[in-house]
Protein backbone atom coordinates (compact mmCIF):
# COMPACT_ATOMS: atom_id res chain seq x y z
CA MET A 1 133.09 33.39 -121.11
CA ARG A 2 134.57 31.86 -124.26
CA ALA A 3 133.01 32.09 -127.69
CA GLU A 4 134.26 28.60 -128.61
CA PRO A 5 133.21 25.14 -127.39
CA ILE A 6 135.24 23.62 -124.57
CA GLU A 7 136.15 19.96 -124.84
CA LEU A 8 136.27 18.68 -121.25
CA ALA A 9 138.81 15.89 -121.81
CA ALA A 10 141.23 18.42 -123.34
CA ALA A 11 140.61 20.83 -120.47
CA LEU A 12 141.38 18.08 -117.94
CA ARG A 13 144.70 17.39 -119.69
CA ARG A 14 145.79 20.99 -119.02
CA PHE A 15 146.46 20.40 -115.30
CA ASP A 16 147.55 17.64 -112.91
CA GLN A 17 146.78 19.03 -109.43
CA LEU A 18 144.29 17.01 -107.40
CA TRP A 19 141.37 18.60 -105.52
CA SER A 20 142.14 21.91 -107.27
CA PRO A 21 139.08 22.86 -109.36
CA ARG A 22 139.39 24.75 -112.63
CA ILE A 23 136.67 27.10 -113.86
CA VAL A 24 135.72 26.00 -117.36
CA THR A 25 133.04 28.63 -117.93
CA THR A 26 130.32 30.55 -116.14
CA VAL A 27 126.54 30.46 -116.50
CA ASN A 28 124.86 33.55 -115.09
CA ASP A 29 126.49 33.78 -111.64
CA TYR A 30 127.52 30.12 -111.47
CA ASP A 31 130.88 28.48 -112.16
CA VAL A 32 131.18 25.26 -114.11
CA ARG A 33 134.27 23.65 -112.57
CA ILE A 34 136.21 20.51 -113.34
CA ALA A 35 138.64 18.72 -111.05
CA LYS A 36 140.82 15.67 -110.85
CA VAL A 37 140.43 13.93 -107.52
CA ALA A 38 142.01 11.00 -105.68
CA GLY A 39 142.03 10.00 -102.03
CA GLU A 40 139.92 11.97 -99.56
CA HIS A 41 138.82 15.59 -99.51
CA VAL A 42 137.87 17.19 -96.17
CA TRP A 43 134.60 17.09 -94.21
CA HIS A 44 132.86 20.37 -95.00
CA SER A 45 129.53 22.05 -95.64
CA HIS A 46 128.21 24.96 -97.68
CA ASP A 47 125.77 27.04 -95.64
CA HIS A 48 124.12 28.88 -98.53
CA THR A 49 124.31 26.66 -101.59
CA ASP A 50 123.74 23.13 -102.80
CA GLU A 51 126.70 21.39 -104.48
CA PHE A 52 126.22 19.59 -107.80
CA PHE A 53 128.57 16.75 -108.83
CA LEU A 54 128.81 14.96 -112.19
CA VAL A 55 131.35 12.15 -112.52
CA LEU A 56 133.14 12.39 -115.86
CA ASP A 57 135.50 9.46 -115.30
CA GLY A 58 136.19 7.01 -112.48
CA GLU A 59 134.07 6.68 -109.36
CA LEU A 60 133.33 9.26 -106.67
CA LEU A 61 132.18 8.45 -103.15
CA ILE A 62 130.46 11.08 -101.05
CA ALA A 63 130.17 10.48 -97.31
CA LEU A 64 127.25 12.39 -95.78
CA ARG A 65 126.33 13.28 -92.23
CA ASP A 66 122.61 13.70 -92.64
CA GLY A 67 120.97 12.27 -89.57
CA ALA A 68 119.89 14.26 -86.54
CA ASP A 69 122.32 12.11 -84.56
CA GLY A 70 125.20 12.76 -86.99
CA ALA A 71 124.82 9.35 -88.61
CA GLU A 72 126.93 8.86 -91.70
CA ARG A 73 126.05 7.25 -94.99
CA GLU A 74 127.85 7.07 -98.32
CA VAL A 75 126.64 7.52 -101.87
CA VAL A 76 128.55 5.91 -104.73
CA LEU A 77 128.68 7.77 -108.03
CA PRO A 78 129.94 5.82 -111.04
CA ARG A 79 130.92 7.50 -114.29
CA GLY A 80 128.02 9.51 -115.69
CA ALA A 81 126.18 9.81 -112.36
CA VAL A 82 125.04 13.09 -110.82
CA PHE A 83 124.32 13.95 -107.20
CA VAL A 84 123.42 17.12 -105.32
CA VAL A 85 124.54 17.65 -101.74
CA PRO A 86 121.94 19.92 -100.11
CA ARG A 87 123.10 23.18 -98.54
CA GLY A 88 124.17 22.82 -94.93
CA MET A 89 124.87 19.07 -95.13
CA GLU A 90 128.30 17.94 -94.01
CA HIS A 91 130.00 15.83 -96.67
CA ARG A 92 133.38 14.44 -97.67
CA PRO A 93 134.05 13.45 -101.27
CA SER A 94 136.63 10.76 -101.95
CA ALA A 95 137.91 8.76 -104.87
CA PRO A 96 140.08 5.79 -103.85
CA GLY A 97 140.82 4.94 -107.50
CA GLY A 98 140.81 8.51 -108.79
CA ALA A 99 138.14 10.36 -110.76
CA SER A 100 137.41 13.41 -112.86
CA ILE A 101 134.38 15.45 -111.86
CA LEU A 102 132.34 18.47 -112.92
CA MET A 103 130.77 20.75 -110.32
CA PHE A 104 128.23 23.53 -110.72
CA GLU A 105 128.04 26.14 -107.97
CA PRO A 106 127.76 29.91 -107.40
CA SER A 107 130.86 31.89 -108.39
CA GLY A 108 133.08 32.53 -105.39
CA THR A 109 132.07 29.34 -103.55
CA SER A 110 134.99 27.91 -101.58
CA SER A 111 136.04 24.36 -102.38
CA VAL A 112 136.17 23.65 -98.62
CA GLY A 113 132.84 25.26 -97.83
CA ASP A 114 131.90 27.62 -95.04
CA ARG A 115 132.67 25.15 -92.25
CA HIS A 116 135.32 22.45 -92.52
CA ASP A 117 137.82 20.25 -90.73
CA GLU A 118 141.50 21.13 -90.94
CA VAL A 119 142.46 21.30 -94.61
CA PRO A 120 145.21 18.79 -95.52
CA ASP A 121 148.08 19.79 -97.80
CA HIS A 122 146.71 17.80 -100.76
CA VAL A 123 143.46 19.82 -100.85
CA ASP A 124 143.44 23.27 -102.50
CA ALA A 125 141.20 25.66 -100.53
CA THR A 126 140.12 27.87 -103.43
CA THR A 127 137.22 29.51 -105.19
CA GLY A 128 138.51 27.93 -108.40
CA HIS A 129 141.29 28.63 -110.86
CA ARG A 130 140.68 29.82 -114.41
CA LEU A 131 141.73 27.36 -117.09
């Protein structure tokens, strides 16, 4: 943990990789992560934790499979919006025009969840990188 404030825009300028979250700080046993995103992530789910998203810039879409029959729906998150994907729900974030996001989740949580489709080359399967 740092003893100085962290300016998120400056932190985002420190890296260019997409779908490769950076750990800004920790709160108790939770990581505060930021990421630059564009295009599609991978369908995945987290069995033991919810996933919190805050859109810092751009627009994030989150496709959800939340019906008993596997029906899909999509939530649209403009800049400044927050959304929580409940544990166990399959989801696929995407950002056709690009976005910057902040996520809050337990330390050690994989960016591709506990269950996921094949991970494409443009998605970093990680538990986060330190800034």
